[in-house]
């Protein structure tokens, strides 16, 4: 192996080491960094007829069994002229099927409503949608937003994210009403053992 080969290997190793140091020197995804990362995740958006629409839980609530969810529909006319669109909001629930069932669990419609929007040029409008329907227990909940046709005409939306005739739709949010398991409380013996291990750690360094 000549000097040129050694120089090439050393250069490659130095480059790899530099990348490794840069990677581990970056700030961990915790605290404010985790919040910043969560804030950059895009919200699903439906665009139709020049109007961009998003659907979210009213006041940022987290829903659970027995709640009657309310949603905020935000619509923005991106055009310099009036625009209209008709959309349908559908809330479905899916419960786990029987263990011996050959077919998977099928969603059932809990609530749906059609909203006709007519916006002025560059207008932004926020509508509050109250379902007045209680969420069932131990279910997976899906909320979809689909274009259903001309404003003023009743649509016929399906359970799928795509409405009939190939019109666009999105799944705005998914959540569950399955209760979270309680956090186990450590026994006194386990807590004492953990504290002793933590206290002994500096002595081992």
N, C-alpha and C. Protein backbone atom coordinates (compact mmCIF):
# COMPACT_ATOMS: atom_id res chain seq x y z
N UNK A 1 0.87 -1.20 0.00
CA UNK A 1 0.00 0.00 0.00
C UNK A 1 0.89 1.24 0.00
N UNK A 2 0.72 2.11 -1.00
CA UNK A 2 1.58 3.27 -1.11
C UNK A 2 1.04 4.47 -0.33
N UNK A 3 1.78 5.55 -0.34
CA UNK A 3 1.39 6.75 0.43
C UNK A 3 0.10 7.35 -0.07
N UNK A 4 -0.14 7.26 -1.39
CA UNK A 4 -1.37 7.83 -1.96
C UNK A 4 -2.59 7.11 -1.43
N UNK A 5 -2.49 5.74 -1.33
CA UNK A 5 -3.62 4.96 -0.80
C UNK A 5 -3.88 5.32 0.66
N UNK A 6 -2.82 5.45 1.45
CA UNK A 6 -2.99 5.82 2.85
C UNK A 6 -3.64 7.18 3.01
N UNK A 7 -3.26 8.12 2.14
CA UNK A 7 -3.86 9.46 2.20
C UNK A 7 -5.34 9.41 1.88
N UNK A 8 -5.73 8.59 0.90
CA UNK A 8 -7.14 8.46 0.53
C UNK A 8 -7.95 7.88 1.68
N UNK A 9 -7.42 6.82 2.34
CA UNK A 9 -8.13 6.21 3.46
C UNK A 9 -8.27 7.18 4.62
N UNK A 10 -7.20 7.92 4.91
CA UNK A 10 -7.25 8.89 6.01
C UNK A 10 -8.27 9.98 5.74
N UNK A 11 -8.34 10.45 4.48
CA UNK A 11 -9.31 11.50 4.14
C UNK A 11 -10.74 11.01 4.31
N UNK A 12 -11.01 9.78 3.85
CA UNK A 12 -12.35 9.21 3.98
C UNK A 12 -12.72 9.04 5.44
N UNK A 13 -11.78 8.57 6.26
CA UNK A 13 -12.06 8.39 7.69
C UNK A 13 -12.35 9.71 8.37
N UNK A 14 -11.61 10.73 8.00
CA UNK A 14 -11.84 12.06 8.59
C UNK A 14 -13.21 12.58 8.23
N UNK A 15 -13.62 12.37 6.97
CA UNK A 15 -14.96 12.82 6.55
C UNK A 15 -16.05 12.10 7.30
N UNK A 16 -15.89 10.77 7.48
CA UNK A 16 -16.88 10.00 8.23
C UNK A 16 -16.95 10.46 9.67
N UNK A 17 -15.80 10.72 10.28
CA UNK A 17 -15.78 11.18 11.68
C UNK A 17 -16.46 12.52 11.82
N UNK A 18 -16.25 13.41 10.84
CA UNK A 18 -16.88 14.74 10.89
C UNK A 18 -18.39 14.62 10.84
N UNK A 19 -18.89 13.74 9.93
CA UNK A 19 -20.34 13.55 9.84
C UNK A 19 -20.90 12.96 11.12
N UNK A 20 -20.17 12.01 11.73
CA UNK A 20 -20.63 11.39 12.97
C UNK A 20 -20.71 12.40 14.09
N UNK A 21 -19.69 13.25 14.23
CA UNK A 21 -19.69 14.28 15.27
C UNK A 21 -20.83 15.26 15.05
N UNK A 22 -21.06 15.65 13.80
CA UNK A 22 -22.15 16.59 13.50
C UNK A 22 -23.49 15.99 13.84
N UNK A 23 -23.65 14.67 13.61
CA UNK A 23 -24.93 14.02 13.91
C UNK A 23 -25.18 13.97 15.40
N UNK A 24 -24.17 13.54 16.17
CA UNK A 24 -24.37 13.40 17.61
C UNK A 24 -24.34 14.74 18.32
N UNK A 25 -23.80 15.79 17.68
CA UNK A 25 -23.78 17.11 18.32
C UNK A 25 -25.10 17.83 18.18
N UNK A 26 -25.97 17.33 17.28
CA UNK A 26 -27.27 17.99 17.11
C UNK A 26 -28.10 17.83 18.36
N UNK A 27 -29.02 18.78 18.59
CA UNK A 27 -29.81 18.76 19.82
C UNK A 27 -30.79 17.60 19.80
N UNK A 28 -31.00 16.92 20.93
CA UNK A 28 -31.96 15.81 20.98
C UNK A 28 -33.38 16.32 20.81
N UNK A 29 -34.27 15.43 20.31
CA UNK A 29 -35.66 15.80 20.08
C UNK A 29 -36.43 15.65 21.38
N UNK A 30 -36.29 16.64 22.25
CA UNK A 30 -37.01 16.64 23.51
C UNK A 30 -37.34 18.06 23.88
N UNK A 31 -38.34 18.20 24.73
CA UNK A 31 -38.70 19.54 25.19
C UNK A 31 -39.17 20.42 24.06
N UNK A 32 -38.55 21.61 23.97
CA UNK A 32 -38.96 22.58 22.96
C UNK A 32 -38.72 22.04 21.55
N UNK A 33 -37.65 21.23 21.37
CA UNK A 33 -37.36 20.70 20.04
C UNK A 33 -38.46 19.76 19.59
N UNK A 34 -38.98 18.94 20.52
CA UNK A 34 -40.07 18.03 20.16
C UNK A 34 -41.32 18.81 19.79
N UNK A 35 -41.58 19.89 20.55
CA UNK A 35 -42.75 20.72 20.22
C UNK A 35 -42.60 21.36 18.86
N UNK A 36 -41.36 21.81 18.55
CA UNK A 36 -41.10 22.42 17.26
C UNK A 36 -41.32 21.41 16.14
N UNK A 37 -40.86 20.16 16.36
CA UNK A 37 -41.05 19.12 15.36
C UNK A 37 -42.53 18.84 15.15
N UNK A 38 -43.31 18.77 16.24
CA UNK A 38 -44.74 18.51 16.12
C UNK A 38 -45.43 19.63 15.39
N UNK A 39 -44.97 20.87 15.60
CA UNK A 39 -45.62 22.02 14.97
C UNK A 39 -45.38 22.06 13.47
N UNK A 40 -44.32 21.37 13.01
CA UNK A 40 -44.01 21.40 11.58
C UNK A 40 -44.75 20.33 10.80
N UNK A 41 -45.44 19.41 11.48
CA UNK A 41 -46.19 18.37 10.79
C UNK A 41 -47.42 19.00 10.14
N UNK A 42 -47.56 18.81 8.85
CA UNK A 42 -48.62 19.47 8.11
C UNK A 42 -49.99 18.89 8.46
N UNK A 43 -50.99 19.75 8.55
CA UNK A 43 -52.37 19.33 8.76
C UNK A 43 -52.97 18.94 7.41
N UNK A 44 -53.70 17.82 7.34
CA UNK A 44 -54.33 17.44 6.06
C UNK A 44 -55.21 18.57 5.53
N UNK A 45 -55.09 18.82 4.24
CA UNK A 45 -55.81 19.95 3.63
C UNK A 45 -56.52 19.48 2.37
N UNK A 46 -57.79 19.90 2.23
CA UNK A 46 -58.57 19.60 1.03
C UNK A 46 -58.68 20.87 0.19
N UNK A 47 -58.28 20.79 -1.06
CA UNK A 47 -58.37 21.93 -1.98
C UNK A 47 -59.36 21.60 -3.08
N UNK A 48 -60.35 22.47 -3.25
CA UNK A 48 -61.37 22.26 -4.28
C UNK A 48 -61.92 23.61 -4.71
N UNK A 49 -62.00 23.81 -6.02
CA UNK A 49 -62.55 25.05 -6.60
C UNK A 49 -61.82 26.29 -6.09
N UNK A 50 -60.54 26.15 -5.82
CA UNK A 50 -59.76 27.30 -5.35
C UNK A 50 -59.88 27.57 -3.87
N UNK A 51 -60.61 26.71 -3.14
CA UNK A 51 -60.80 26.88 -1.70
C UNK A 51 -60.02 25.79 -0.97
N UNK A 52 -59.19 26.19 -0.01
CA UNK A 52 -58.44 25.26 0.80
C UNK A 52 -59.11 25.11 2.16
N UNK A 53 -59.34 23.86 2.57
CA UNK A 53 -60.09 23.59 3.79
C UNK A 53 -59.33 22.63 4.71
N UNK A 54 -59.38 22.93 6.00
CA UNK A 54 -58.82 22.04 7.02
C UNK A 54 -59.87 21.84 8.11
N UNK A 55 -59.80 20.69 8.75
CA UNK A 55 -60.75 20.35 9.81
C UNK A 55 -59.96 19.95 11.04
N UNK A 56 -60.33 20.51 12.20
CA UNK A 56 -59.61 20.21 13.43
C UNK A 56 -60.59 20.17 14.59
N UNK A 57 -60.13 19.62 15.71
CA UNK A 57 -60.96 19.59 16.91
C UNK A 57 -61.11 21.00 17.47
N UNK A 58 -62.32 21.37 17.81
CA UNK A 58 -62.57 22.71 18.34
C UNK A 58 -61.78 22.91 19.63
N UNK A 59 -61.09 24.03 19.72
CA UNK A 59 -60.29 24.42 20.89
C UNK A 59 -59.20 23.40 21.21
N UNK A 60 -58.80 22.62 20.20
CA UNK A 60 -57.72 21.67 20.39
C UNK A 60 -58.02 20.55 21.36
N UNK A 61 -59.29 20.21 21.53
CA UNK A 61 -59.68 19.20 22.51
C UNK A 61 -59.21 17.81 22.10
N UNK A 62 -59.08 16.95 23.10
CA UNK A 62 -58.86 15.52 22.88
C UNK A 62 -60.13 14.80 23.31
N UNK A 63 -60.71 14.02 22.42
CA UNK A 63 -62.00 13.41 22.68
C UNK A 63 -61.84 12.02 23.29
N UNK A 64 -62.87 11.66 24.10
CA UNK A 64 -62.89 10.34 24.73
C UNK A 64 -64.31 9.79 24.69
N UNK A 65 -64.47 8.59 25.20
CA UNK A 65 -65.78 7.93 25.21
C UNK A 65 -66.84 8.83 25.86
N UNK A 66 -68.00 8.94 25.18
CA UNK A 66 -69.11 9.71 25.73
C UNK A 66 -69.10 11.18 25.34
N UNK A 67 -67.99 11.68 24.81
CA UNK A 67 -67.93 13.08 24.38
C UNK A 67 -68.78 13.30 23.12
N UNK A 68 -69.27 14.52 22.98
CA UNK A 68 -69.95 14.94 21.75
C UNK A 68 -69.01 15.90 21.02
N UNK A 69 -68.23 15.39 20.09
CA UNK A 69 -67.17 16.21 19.51
C UNK A 69 -67.68 17.40 18.71
N UNK A 70 -66.90 18.46 18.76
CA UNK A 70 -67.13 19.64 17.93
C UNK A 70 -65.87 19.91 17.12
N UNK A 71 -66.07 20.33 15.88
CA UNK A 71 -64.95 20.55 14.98
C UNK A 71 -64.98 21.97 14.42
N UNK A 72 -63.82 22.43 13.99
CA UNK A 72 -63.70 23.72 13.32
C UNK A 72 -63.30 23.48 11.88
N UNK A 73 -64.12 23.97 10.98
CA UNK A 73 -63.81 23.90 9.55
C UNK A 73 -63.29 25.26 9.11
N UNK A 74 -62.05 25.28 8.68
CA UNK A 74 -61.42 26.53 8.23
C UNK A 74 -61.31 26.50 6.71
N UNK A 75 -61.89 27.50 6.06
CA UNK A 75 -61.89 27.56 4.59
C UNK A 75 -61.26 28.87 4.15
N UNK A 76 -60.35 28.78 3.17
CA UNK A 76 -59.65 29.95 2.66
C UNK A 76 -59.81 29.98 1.14
N UNK A 77 -60.39 31.05 0.64
CA UNK A 77 -60.50 31.24 -0.80
C UNK A 77 -59.19 31.83 -1.31
N UNK A 78 -58.45 31.05 -2.08
CA UNK A 78 -57.15 31.49 -2.58
C UNK A 78 -57.26 32.28 -3.88
N UNK A 79 -58.47 32.44 -4.38
CA UNK A 79 -58.67 33.12 -5.66
C UNK A 79 -58.99 34.60 -5.47
N UNK A 80 -58.80 35.37 -6.52
CA UNK A 80 -59.16 36.79 -6.51
C UNK A 80 -60.56 36.99 -7.06
N UNK A 81 -61.36 35.95 -6.96
CA UNK A 81 -62.75 35.99 -7.41
C UNK A 81 -63.58 35.11 -6.49
N UNK A 82 -64.92 35.30 -6.46
CA UNK A 82 -65.75 34.46 -5.59
C UNK A 82 -65.61 32.98 -5.95
N UNK A 83 -65.76 32.13 -4.94
CA UNK A 83 -65.66 30.68 -5.15
C UNK A 83 -66.68 29.97 -4.28
N UNK A 84 -67.15 28.82 -4.77
CA UNK A 84 -68.13 28.02 -4.04
C UNK A 84 -67.69 26.56 -4.04
N UNK A 85 -68.07 25.87 -2.99
CA UNK A 85 -67.80 24.44 -2.91
C UNK A 85 -68.76 23.82 -1.89
N UNK A 86 -69.11 22.57 -2.10
CA UNK A 86 -69.92 21.81 -1.15
C UNK A 86 -69.08 20.64 -0.64
N UNK A 87 -69.02 20.50 0.68
CA UNK A 87 -68.24 19.42 1.28
C UNK A 87 -69.08 18.70 2.32
N UNK A 88 -68.66 17.50 2.63
CA UNK A 88 -69.37 16.71 3.64
C UNK A 88 -68.36 16.24 4.68
N UNK A 89 -68.72 16.40 5.95
CA UNK A 89 -67.92 15.91 7.06
C UNK A 89 -68.57 14.62 7.57
N UNK A 90 -67.78 13.56 7.67
CA UNK A 90 -68.30 12.26 8.11
C UNK A 90 -67.47 11.76 9.28
N UNK A 91 -68.15 11.36 10.35
CA UNK A 91 -67.49 10.76 11.51
C UNK A 91 -67.89 9.29 11.55
N UNK A 92 -66.91 8.40 11.50
CA UNK A 92 -67.19 6.96 11.54
C UNK A 92 -66.49 6.33 12.73
N UNK A 93 -67.04 5.19 13.17
CA UNK A 93 -66.46 4.43 14.28
C UNK A 93 -66.25 2.99 13.85
N UNK A 94 -65.12 2.45 14.24
CA UNK A 94 -64.81 1.05 13.95
C UNK A 94 -64.47 0.35 15.25
N UNK A 95 -65.17 -0.77 15.52
CA UNK A 95 -64.89 -1.54 16.72
C UNK A 95 -64.21 -2.85 16.33
N UNK A 96 -63.38 -3.39 17.20
CA UNK A 96 -62.70 -4.65 16.87
C UNK A 96 -63.72 -5.76 16.62
N UNK A 97 -63.49 -6.54 15.54
CA UNK A 97 -64.40 -7.65 15.23
C UNK A 97 -64.13 -8.84 16.11
N UNK A 98 -65.01 -9.83 16.01
CA UNK A 98 -64.85 -11.05 16.77
C UNK A 98 -63.61 -11.81 16.31
N UNK A 99 -63.03 -12.58 17.21
CA UNK A 99 -61.80 -13.30 16.89
C UNK A 99 -62.03 -14.34 15.80
N UNK A 100 -63.24 -14.91 15.72
CA UNK A 100 -63.54 -15.96 14.75
C UNK A 100 -64.16 -15.40 13.47
N UNK A 101 -64.30 -14.07 13.39
CA UNK A 101 -64.93 -13.47 12.22
C UNK A 101 -63.99 -13.53 11.02
N UNK A 102 -64.54 -13.86 9.84
CA UNK A 102 -63.74 -13.93 8.62
C UNK A 102 -63.58 -12.56 7.99
N UNK A 103 -64.50 -11.65 8.29
CA UNK A 103 -64.39 -10.29 7.74
C UNK A 103 -63.87 -9.36 8.81
N UNK A 104 -63.08 -8.40 8.37
CA UNK A 104 -62.54 -7.42 9.30
C UNK A 104 -63.62 -6.50 9.84
N UNK A 105 -63.30 -5.71 10.82
CA UNK A 105 -64.29 -4.77 11.37
C UNK A 105 -64.72 -3.75 10.32
N UNK A 106 -66.00 -3.44 10.29
CA UNK A 106 -66.55 -2.50 9.33
C UNK A 106 -66.92 -1.20 10.03
N UNK A 107 -66.59 -0.04 9.42
CA UNK A 107 -66.94 1.24 10.06
C UNK A 107 -68.43 1.53 9.95
N UNK A 108 -68.94 2.23 10.94
CA UNK A 108 -70.33 2.67 10.93
C UNK A 108 -70.35 4.19 11.05
N UNK A 109 -71.31 4.83 10.38
CA UNK A 109 -71.40 6.29 10.39
C UNK A 109 -72.05 6.75 11.69
N UNK A 110 -71.35 7.59 12.44
CA UNK A 110 -71.91 8.18 13.65
C UNK A 110 -72.63 9.49 13.35
N UNK A 111 -72.05 10.27 12.42
CA UNK A 111 -72.60 11.61 12.14
C UNK A 111 -72.06 12.08 10.81
N UNK A 112 -72.88 12.83 10.08
CA UNK A 112 -72.40 13.46 8.86
C UNK A 112 -73.21 14.73 8.59
N UNK A 113 -72.57 15.67 7.91
CA UNK A 113 -73.24 16.93 7.62
C UNK A 113 -72.63 17.54 6.36
N UNK A 114 -73.48 18.12 5.53
CA UNK A 114 -72.99 18.80 4.33
C UNK A 114 -72.90 20.29 4.60
N UNK A 115 -71.81 20.88 4.14
CA UNK A 115 -71.58 22.32 4.32
C UNK A 115 -71.41 22.95 2.95
N UNK A 116 -72.22 23.97 2.66
CA UNK A 116 -72.11 24.72 1.42
C UNK A 116 -71.37 26.02 1.70
N UNK A 117 -70.30 26.24 0.98
CA UNK A 117 -69.47 27.42 1.19
C UNK A 117 -69.51 28.31 -0.04
N UNK A 118 -69.71 29.60 0.20
CA UNK A 118 -69.62 30.62 -0.86
C UNK A 118 -68.78 31.75 -0.30
N UNK A 119 -67.54 31.85 -0.77
CA UNK A 119 -66.59 32.80 -0.21
C UNK A 119 -66.28 33.93 -1.19
N UNK A 120 -66.05 35.10 -0.62
CA UNK A 120 -65.63 36.25 -1.40
C UNK A 120 -64.16 36.09 -1.79
N UNK A 121 -63.66 36.91 -2.69
CA UNK A 121 -62.24 36.80 -3.06
C UNK A 121 -61.32 36.91 -1.84
N UNK A 122 -60.42 35.93 -1.71
CA UNK A 122 -59.42 35.89 -0.62
C UNK A 122 -60.03 35.88 0.78
N UNK A 123 -61.28 35.47 0.89
CA UNK A 123 -61.94 35.44 2.21
C UNK A 123 -61.53 34.18 2.98
N UNK A 124 -61.40 34.33 4.30
CA UNK A 124 -61.17 33.22 5.21
C UNK A 124 -62.36 33.11 6.16
N UNK A 125 -62.88 31.90 6.31
CA UNK A 125 -64.04 31.70 7.17
C UNK A 125 -63.82 30.46 8.03
N UNK A 126 -64.22 30.56 9.31
CA UNK A 126 -64.12 29.43 10.24
C UNK A 126 -65.51 29.10 10.74
N UNK A 127 -65.92 27.85 10.54
CA UNK A 127 -67.25 27.39 10.95
C UNK A 127 -67.11 26.37 12.08
N UNK A 128 -68.02 26.44 13.05
CA UNK A 128 -68.05 25.47 14.14
C UNK A 128 -69.10 24.41 13.83
N UNK A 129 -68.70 23.14 13.88
CA UNK A 129 -69.60 22.03 13.58
C UNK A 129 -69.79 21.20 14.84
N UNK A 130 -71.01 21.19 15.38
CA UNK A 130 -71.33 20.42 16.58
C UNK A 130 -72.04 19.13 16.18
N UNK A 131 -71.49 18.00 16.58
CA UNK A 131 -72.08 16.72 16.16
C UNK A 131 -73.29 16.32 17.00
N UNK A 132 -73.28 16.69 18.29
CA UNK A 132 -74.35 16.28 19.21
C UNK A 132 -74.55 14.77 19.19
N UNK A 133 -73.45 14.06 19.01
CA UNK A 133 -73.47 12.59 18.98
C UNK A 133 -72.38 12.08 19.90
N UNK A 134 -72.73 11.18 20.83
CA UNK A 134 -71.76 10.67 21.78
C UNK A 134 -70.86 9.62 21.12
N UNK A 135 -69.59 9.69 21.44
CA UNK A 135 -68.63 8.73 20.90
C UNK A 135 -68.75 7.40 21.64
N UNK A 136 -68.77 6.29 20.91
CA UNK A 136 -68.87 4.98 21.56
C UNK A 136 -67.56 4.58 22.22
N UNK A 137 -67.65 3.61 23.11
CA UNK A 137 -66.47 3.13 23.81
C UNK A 137 -65.66 2.18 22.94
N UNK A 138 -64.38 2.08 23.24
CA UNK A 138 -63.48 1.10 22.63
C UNK A 138 -63.60 1.08 21.11
N UNK A 139 -63.51 2.25 20.51
CA UNK A 139 -63.66 2.37 19.06
C UNK A 139 -62.54 3.22 18.48
N UNK A 140 -62.27 2.96 17.21
CA UNK A 140 -61.36 3.80 16.44
C UNK A 140 -62.21 4.78 15.64
N UNK A 141 -61.98 6.07 15.84
CA UNK A 141 -62.79 7.12 15.23
C UNK A 141 -62.03 7.76 14.07
N UNK A 142 -62.72 7.94 12.96
CA UNK A 142 -62.13 8.59 11.80
C UNK A 142 -63.04 9.73 11.37
N UNK A 143 -62.43 10.87 11.04
CA UNK A 143 -63.18 12.06 10.60
C UNK A 143 -62.67 12.44 9.21
N UNK A 144 -63.56 12.39 8.23
CA UNK A 144 -63.16 12.68 6.85
C UNK A 144 -63.89 13.90 6.31
N UNK A 145 -63.27 14.53 5.32
CA UNK A 145 -63.81 15.72 4.67
C UNK A 145 -63.75 15.48 3.17
N UNK A 146 -64.91 15.52 2.50
CA UNK A 146 -64.97 15.19 1.08
C UNK A 146 -65.81 16.21 0.32
N UNK A 147 -65.40 16.48 -0.90
CA UNK A 147 -66.21 17.30 -1.80
C UNK A 147 -67.36 16.42 -2.31
N UNK A 148 -68.57 16.97 -2.32
CA UNK A 148 -69.73 16.14 -2.66
C UNK A 148 -70.50 16.62 -3.88
N UNK A 149 -70.11 17.70 -4.50
CA UNK A 149 -70.83 18.15 -5.68
C UNK A 149 -71.13 19.64 -5.62
N UNK A 150 -72.19 20.04 -6.30
CA UNK A 150 -72.54 21.46 -6.37
C UNK A 150 -73.16 21.94 -5.07
N UNK A 151 -72.85 23.16 -4.64
CA UNK A 151 -73.48 23.72 -3.44
C UNK A 151 -74.99 23.77 -3.59
N UNK A 152 -75.69 23.44 -2.50
CA UNK A 152 -77.14 23.47 -2.53
C UNK A 152 -77.78 22.17 -2.92
N UNK A 153 -76.99 21.21 -3.44
CA UNK A 153 -77.52 19.91 -3.84
C UNK A 153 -77.00 18.87 -2.87
N UNK A 154 -77.90 18.05 -2.37
CA UNK A 154 -77.52 17.04 -1.40
C UNK A 154 -76.57 16.04 -2.03
N UNK A 155 -75.48 15.76 -1.35
CA UNK A 155 -74.52 14.80 -1.86
C UNK A 155 -74.81 13.40 -1.36
N UNK A 156 -73.99 12.46 -1.78
CA UNK A 156 -74.13 11.08 -1.37
C UNK A 156 -72.76 10.53 -1.04
N UNK A 157 -72.13 11.07 0.02
CA UNK A 157 -70.76 10.67 0.32
C UNK A 157 -70.68 9.23 0.78
N UNK A 158 -69.54 8.62 0.54
CA UNK A 158 -69.30 7.26 0.99
C UNK A 158 -68.42 7.27 2.23
N UNK A 159 -68.11 6.09 2.76
CA UNK A 159 -67.25 6.00 3.93
C UNK A 159 -65.79 6.17 3.57
N UNK A 160 -65.48 6.05 2.30
CA UNK A 160 -64.09 6.15 1.87
C UNK A 160 -63.66 7.61 1.79
N UNK A 161 -62.33 7.87 1.84
CA UNK A 161 -61.85 9.25 1.72
C UNK A 161 -62.20 9.88 0.39
N UNK A 162 -62.49 9.06 -0.65
CA UNK A 162 -62.88 9.62 -1.94
C UNK A 162 -64.39 9.55 -2.09
N UNK A 163 -65.00 10.68 -2.40
CA UNK A 163 -66.44 10.72 -2.63
C UNK A 163 -66.75 10.15 -4.00
N UNK A 164 -68.03 9.88 -4.32
CA UNK A 164 -68.38 9.35 -5.63
C UNK A 164 -67.94 10.27 -6.76
N UNK A 165 -67.86 9.72 -7.94
CA UNK A 165 -67.45 10.45 -9.15
C UNK A 165 -66.00 10.92 -9.08
N UNK A 166 -65.21 10.29 -8.22
CA UNK A 166 -63.79 10.62 -8.16
C UNK A 166 -63.49 11.97 -7.54
N UNK A 167 -64.44 12.56 -6.84
CA UNK A 167 -64.19 13.86 -6.22
C UNK A 167 -63.27 13.69 -5.02
N UNK A 168 -62.46 14.71 -4.72
CA UNK A 168 -61.41 14.54 -3.71
C UNK A 168 -61.95 14.50 -2.29
N UNK A 169 -61.18 13.88 -1.43
CA UNK A 169 -61.50 13.83 -0.02
C UNK A 169 -60.26 13.51 0.79
N UNK A 170 -60.30 13.81 2.08
CA UNK A 170 -59.17 13.55 2.97
C UNK A 170 -59.68 12.98 4.28
N UNK A 171 -58.82 12.27 4.98
CA UNK A 171 -59.09 11.89 6.37
C UNK A 171 -58.41 12.94 7.24
N UNK A 172 -59.21 13.76 7.90
CA UNK A 172 -58.67 14.89 8.65
C UNK A 172 -58.02 14.48 9.95
N UNK A 173 -58.61 13.49 10.63
CA UNK A 173 -58.05 13.06 11.92
C UNK A 173 -58.53 11.66 12.27
N UNK A 174 -57.73 11.01 13.07
CA UNK A 174 -58.08 9.70 13.63
C UNK A 174 -57.72 9.69 15.11
N UNK A 175 -58.58 9.08 15.93
CA UNK A 175 -58.28 8.94 17.35
C UNK A 175 -59.03 7.74 17.88
N UNK A 176 -58.77 7.39 19.12
CA UNK A 176 -59.35 6.19 19.70
C UNK A 176 -60.02 6.51 21.02
N UNK A 177 -61.10 5.78 21.32
CA UNK A 177 -61.76 5.90 22.62
C UNK A 177 -61.41 4.72 23.52
N UNK A 178 -60.42 3.93 23.10
CA UNK A 178 -59.96 2.84 23.96
C UNK A 178 -59.20 3.45 25.13
N UNK A 179 -59.58 3.14 26.37
CA UNK A 179 -58.90 3.76 27.51
C UNK A 179 -57.43 3.35 27.57
N UNK A 180 -56.60 4.30 27.97
CA UNK A 180 -55.18 4.02 28.12
C UNK A 180 -54.94 3.22 29.39
N UNK A 181 -54.03 2.23 29.34
CA UNK A 181 -53.75 1.47 30.56
C UNK A 181 -53.13 2.37 31.62
N UNK A 182 -53.49 2.16 32.88
CA UNK A 182 -52.91 3.00 33.95
C UNK A 182 -51.41 2.79 34.07
N UNK A 183 -50.72 3.84 34.46
CA UNK A 183 -49.28 3.75 34.67
C UNK A 183 -49.01 2.97 35.94
N UNK A 184 -48.24 1.89 35.86
CA UNK A 184 -48.00 1.08 37.07
C UNK A 184 -47.22 1.87 38.12
N UNK A 185 -47.65 1.71 39.36
CA UNK A 185 -46.97 2.37 40.48
C UNK A 185 -45.88 1.45 41.01
N UNK A 186 -44.62 1.92 41.06
CA UNK A 186 -43.54 1.04 41.54
C UNK A 186 -43.74 0.67 43.01
N UNK A 187 -43.44 -0.56 43.33
CA UNK A 187 -43.53 -1.01 44.72
C UNK A 187 -42.41 -0.36 45.53
N UNK A 188 -42.58 -0.26 46.87
CA UNK A 188 -41.53 0.36 47.69
C UNK A 188 -40.17 -0.32 47.52
N UNK A 189 -40.17 -1.67 47.40
CA UNK A 189 -38.88 -2.38 47.25
C UNK A 189 -38.20 -2.01 45.95
N UNK A 190 -39.00 -1.91 44.86
CA UNK A 190 -38.43 -1.55 43.57
C UNK A 190 -37.92 -0.12 43.58
N UNK A 191 -38.69 0.77 44.22
CA UNK A 191 -38.27 2.18 44.30
C UNK A 191 -36.96 2.31 45.08
N UNK A 192 -36.82 1.54 46.19
CA UNK A 192 -35.59 1.60 46.98
C UNK A 192 -34.41 1.07 46.18
N UNK A 193 -34.64 -0.02 45.42
CA UNK A 193 -33.56 -0.60 44.63
C UNK A 193 -33.12 0.36 43.53
N UNK A 194 -34.09 1.04 42.91
CA UNK A 194 -33.75 2.01 41.86
C UNK A 194 -32.95 3.17 42.43
N UNK A 195 -33.38 3.68 43.59
CA UNK A 195 -32.67 4.80 44.23
C UNK A 195 -31.25 4.40 44.61
N UNK A 196 -31.09 3.16 45.09
CA UNK A 196 -29.75 2.70 45.47
C UNK A 196 -28.85 2.56 44.25
N UNK A 197 -29.43 2.10 43.13
CA UNK A 197 -28.64 1.95 41.91
C UNK A 197 -28.21 3.31 41.38
N UNK A 198 -29.11 4.28 41.44
CA UNK A 198 -28.77 5.65 40.98
C UNK A 198 -27.70 6.25 41.85
N UNK A 199 -27.79 6.03 43.16
CA UNK A 199 -26.80 6.59 44.08
C UNK A 199 -25.44 5.96 43.89
N UNK A 200 -25.41 4.70 43.50
CA UNK A 200 -24.13 3.99 43.34
C UNK A 200 -23.48 4.27 42.00
N UNK A 201 -24.22 4.82 41.05
CA UNK A 201 -23.69 5.04 39.71
C UNK A 201 -22.47 5.94 39.70
N UNK A 202 -22.46 7.12 40.37
CA UNK A 202 -21.25 7.98 40.34
C UNK A 202 -20.01 7.29 40.88
N UNK A 203 -20.18 6.38 41.87
CA UNK A 203 -19.04 5.72 42.47
C UNK A 203 -18.37 4.76 41.49
N UNK A 204 -19.13 4.26 40.50
CA UNK A 204 -18.59 3.31 39.56
C UNK A 204 -17.84 3.98 38.44
N UNK A 205 -17.99 5.30 38.26
CA UNK A 205 -17.34 6.02 37.16
C UNK A 205 -15.88 6.31 37.48
